[in-house]
Amino acid sequence: MGRAGEESRVSFDAQCDLAAVVYGAADDPDRLIAGFAADLRRSGRRPVGVVQLGRSCRAENPRLGVVVLPDGEVVRLAPHEATFAAGCRLDPDRLAGLACRLAAAIEDGADLVIINRFGRSEAEGKGLIDLIPQALAADIPVLIAVPERRFAAWIRFSEGMNVRLACRRDALDRWWLSVTGLARRRGGAGTFCEFAK
């Protein structure tokens, strides 16, 4: 994985279909995105990516993991020896393997790429961050969960060229309708900003 500012950089523009579900301590972005992805699959769409299981390694089950889309396999990202007191220590080999697997899945075609978090690894240019430029270069919309405390770093990474979504299903659905063109076909507005007004 490249460091931010090097090979993972992408030129963002106002047309890129990149959305951040920004969440606070009381929100549950994983449940929201998992439900959205399940509905996309039921409608015949192919979401590719990961949805996080658990909010942190300091939870009841400290083995942080993700559900891999589209197949639904659970992959643990923290080593088994991670403890409640130590917090998250993601296994870099597991994370790199997952990134390669998802890159191949994107190459096979996707309707949406879902990145579970803009976390510490992604803010440092590691983790799954290289999937974003790959997806956008292939004209595939990207959805990512961003904690409020990292939103400033996310804006720097995306150069401000993204849509900020509230952690609510109606906001997610409006964005999806705009990027898939359904809003325009129904006689609605042509851009998300116009559609969301």
Protein backbone atom coordinates (compact mmCIF):
# COMPACT_ATOMS: atom_id res chain seq x y z
CA MET A 1 0.00 0.00 0.00
CA GLY A 2 1.27 3.45 -0.81
CA ARG A 3 1.57 6.32 1.59
CA ALA A 4 -0.87 9.19 1.28
CA GLY A 5 0.52 11.73 -1.15
CA GLU A 6 2.27 9.12 -3.29
CA GLU A 7 0.88 6.37 -5.51
CA SER A 8 -2.49 6.23 -3.71
CA ARG A 9 -3.30 9.83 -4.62
CA VAL A 10 -6.14 10.42 -6.99
CA SER A 11 -7.28 13.58 -8.66
CA PHE A 12 -10.69 14.28 -7.19
CA ASP A 13 -13.18 16.40 -9.04
CA ALA A 14 -16.72 17.60 -8.55
CA GLN A 15 -18.08 14.70 -10.62
CA CYS A 16 -16.59 11.87 -8.56
CA ASP A 17 -19.21 9.74 -6.85
CA LEU A 18 -17.61 9.58 -3.42
CA ALA A 19 -19.72 9.70 -0.26
CA ALA A 20 -18.78 9.70 3.41
CA VAL A 21 -21.27 8.54 6.02
CA VAL A 22 -20.11 10.69 8.93
CA TYR A 23 -21.00 9.26 12.31
CA GLY A 24 -20.76 10.11 15.96
CA ALA A 25 -20.65 8.04 19.13
CA ALA A 26 -24.42 7.47 19.15
CA ASP A 27 -24.60 6.33 15.51
CA ASP A 28 -24.32 2.80 14.09
CA PRO A 29 -22.79 3.11 10.59
CA ASP A 30 -22.14 -0.64 10.34
CA ARG A 31 -25.79 -1.57 10.73
CA LEU A 32 -26.83 1.19 8.31
CA ILE A 33 -24.34 0.19 5.61
CA ALA A 34 -24.91 -3.56 6.07
CA GLY A 35 -28.64 -3.08 5.55
CA PHE A 36 -28.06 -0.88 2.52
CA ALA A 37 -25.65 -3.41 0.98
CA ALA A 38 -28.12 -6.25 1.60
CA ASP A 39 -30.87 -4.29 -0.16
CA LEU A 40 -28.56 -3.61 -3.11
CA ARG A 41 -27.80 -7.34 -3.43
CA ARG A 42 -31.52 -8.17 -3.30
CA SER A 43 -32.14 -5.70 -6.13
CA GLY A 44 -29.50 -7.37 -8.32
CA ARG A 45 -26.66 -4.92 -7.70
CA ARG A 46 -23.10 -5.99 -6.85
CA PRO A 47 -21.59 -4.12 -3.90
CA VAL A 48 -17.93 -4.94 -3.28
CA GLY A 49 -16.01 -4.09 -0.14
CA VAL A 50 -16.22 -4.56 3.60
CA VAL A 51 -18.61 -3.75 6.43
CA GLN A 52 -17.09 -3.62 9.89
CA LEU A 53 -18.17 -5.90 12.74
CA GLY A 54 -18.00 -4.03 16.02
CA ARG A 55 -17.09 -0.45 16.79
CA SER A 56 -13.68 -1.05 18.36
CA CYS A 57 -11.34 -3.59 19.87
CA ARG A 58 -12.37 -2.32 23.29
CA ALA A 59 -15.80 -3.90 22.83
CA GLU A 60 -17.12 -7.14 24.32
CA ASN A 61 -15.61 -9.11 21.42
CA PRO A 62 -12.15 -7.61 20.87
CA ARG A 63 -11.41 -9.52 17.65
CA LEU A 64 -12.26 -6.78 15.19
CA GLY A 65 -13.43 -8.09 11.85
CA VAL A 66 -15.26 -7.28 8.65
CA VAL A 67 -17.89 -8.87 6.45
CA VAL A 68 -16.46 -9.13 2.93
CA LEU A 69 -18.82 -8.23 0.10
CA PRO A 70 -20.21 -9.63 -2.06
CA ASP A 71 -19.78 -13.13 -0.57
CA GLY A 72 -20.43 -12.38 3.12
CA GLU A 73 -17.33 -14.08 4.55
CA VAL A 74 -16.18 -12.79 7.95
CA VAL A 75 -12.48 -11.91 8.13
CA ARG A 76 -10.81 -11.07 11.43
CA LEU A 77 -8.35 -8.20 11.16
CA ALA A 78 -6.95 -8.13 14.67
CA PRO A 79 -4.57 -10.83 15.89
CA HIS A 80 -6.08 -13.26 18.38
CA GLU A 81 -3.75 -11.99 21.09
CA ALA A 82 -5.24 -8.47 20.91
CA THR A 83 -6.62 -7.60 24.31
CA PHE A 84 -9.32 -5.33 25.64
CA ALA A 85 -6.73 -3.16 27.40
CA ALA A 86 -4.38 -2.85 24.43
CA GLY A 87 -7.02 -1.75 21.93
CA CYS A 88 -6.82 -2.41 18.18
CA ARG A 89 -3.67 -3.70 16.56
CA LEU A 90 -4.68 -4.67 13.06
CA ASP A 91 -2.71 -7.47 11.45
CA PRO A 92 -0.95 -5.81 8.48
CA ASP A 93 -0.67 -9.10 6.56
CA ARG A 94 -4.38 -9.83 6.89
CA LEU A 95 -5.22 -6.27 5.89
CA ALA A 96 -2.90 -6.41 2.84
CA GLY A 97 -4.39 -9.74 1.79
CA LEU A 98 -7.89 -8.33 2.09
CA ALA A 99 -6.93 -5.27 0.05
CA CYS A 100 -5.58 -7.47 -2.77
CA ARG A 101 -8.68 -9.63 -2.71
CA LEU A 102 -10.98 -6.60 -2.90
CA ALA A 103 -8.91 -5.03 -5.69
CA ALA A 104 -9.46 -8.19 -7.73
CA ALA A 105 -13.19 -8.14 -6.94
CA ILE A 106 -13.40 -4.53 -8.16
CA GLU A 107 -11.65 -5.57 -11.39
CA ASP A 108 -14.39 -8.19 -11.86
CA GLY A 109 -16.98 -5.42 -11.79
CA ALA A 110 -18.98 -3.71 -9.08
CA ASP A 111 -21.89 -1.30 -8.76
CA LEU A 112 -20.57 0.19 -5.51
CA VAL A 113 -17.37 -0.06 -3.45
CA ILE A 114 -17.84 0.08 0.32
CA ILE A 115 -14.91 0.87 2.63
CA ASN A 116 -15.67 0.11 6.27
CA ARG A 117 -13.79 3.06 7.80
CA PHE A 118 -11.53 5.99 7.22
CA GLY A 119 -9.54 4.93 10.26
CA ARG A 120 -6.02 5.50 11.45
CA SER A 121 -4.50 3.18 8.83
CA GLU A 122 -6.36 4.89 5.99
CA ALA A 123 -5.49 8.37 7.29
CA GLU A 124 -1.83 7.27 7.12
CA GLY A 125 -2.24 6.10 3.51
CA LYS A 126 -2.46 2.42 4.43
CA GLY A 127 -5.26 -0.06 4.98
CA LEU A 128 -7.84 -0.11 2.21
CA ILE A 129 -7.32 3.46 1.01
CA ASP A 130 -5.89 2.44 -2.40
CA LEU A 131 -9.25 0.89 -3.32
CA ILE A 132 -10.78 4.38 -3.54
CA PRO A 133 -8.73 5.64 -6.52
CA GLN A 134 -9.09 2.23 -8.19
CA ALA A 135 -12.88 2.38 -7.93
CA LEU A 136 -13.17 6.01 -8.99
CA ALA A 137 -10.89 5.41 -11.99
CA ALA A 138 -13.33 2.68 -13.04
CA ASP A 139 -16.33 5.03 -12.53
CA ILE A 140 -17.62 3.00 -9.59
CA PRO A 141 -19.20 5.00 -6.74
CA VAL A 142 -17.52 4.70 -3.33
CA LEU A 143 -19.13 4.78 0.10
CA ILE A 144 -17.01 5.09 3.24
CA ALA A 145 -17.79 5.49 6.94
CA VAL A 146 -15.89 8.38 8.53
CA PRO A 147 -15.91 9.11 12.26
CA GLU A 148 -16.57 12.75 13.10
CA ARG A 149 -13.15 13.05 14.77
CA ARG A 150 -11.41 12.11 11.50
CA PHE A 151 -13.57 14.17 9.16
CA ALA A 152 -10.98 16.96 8.80
CA ALA A 153 -8.36 14.38 7.73
CA TRP A 154 -10.87 12.86 5.33
CA ILE A 155 -11.54 16.26 3.73
CA ARG A 156 -7.79 16.73 3.23
CA PHE A 157 -7.51 13.27 1.62
CA SER A 158 -10.50 13.78 -0.69
CA GLU A 159 -9.62 17.42 -1.39
CA GLY A 160 -13.16 18.29 -0.33
CA MET A 161 -14.63 16.57 -3.39
CA ASN A 162 -17.10 14.25 -1.73
CA VAL A 163 -20.62 14.19 -0.39
CA ARG A 164 -21.07 14.23 3.38
CA LEU A 165 -24.01 12.04 4.39
CA ALA A 166 -25.74 11.93 7.74
CA CYS A 167 -25.72 8.47 9.29
CA ARG A 168 -29.32 7.85 8.21
CA ARG A 169 -30.87 5.59 5.59
CA ASP A 170 -32.83 8.36 3.87
CA ALA A 171 -29.61 10.31 3.21
CA LEU A 172 -27.92 7.19 1.85
CA ASP A 173 -30.89 6.36 -0.40
CA ARG A 174 -31.03 9.90 -1.84
CA TRP A 175 -27.31 9.77 -2.64
CA TRP A 176 -27.63 6.37 -4.30
CA LEU A 177 -30.57 7.51 -6.45
CA SER A 178 -28.52 10.49 -7.60
CA VAL A 179 -25.40 8.51 -8.57
CA THR A 180 -27.33 5.77 -10.33
CA GLY A 181 -29.27 8.28 -12.40
CA LEU A 182 -32.69 7.23 -11.13
CA ALA A 183 -33.38 10.76 -9.96
CA ARG A 184 -32.79 12.13 -13.46
CA ARG A 185 -34.89 9.40 -15.11
CA ARG A 186 -37.73 10.25 -12.74
CA GLY A 187 -37.52 13.91 -13.72
CA GLY A 188 -35.60 14.89 -10.59
CA ALA A 189 -32.51 17.03 -10.15
CA GLY A 190 -29.31 16.27 -12.02
CA THR A 191 -26.82 16.33 -9.16
CA PHE A 192 -26.86 15.14 -5.57
CA CYS A 193 -26.58 18.69 -4.27
CA GLU A 194 -29.65 19.74 -6.27
CA PHE A 195 -31.53 16.53 -5.46
CA ALA A 196 -30.90 16.80 -1.71
CA LYS A 197 -32.24 20.38 -1.42
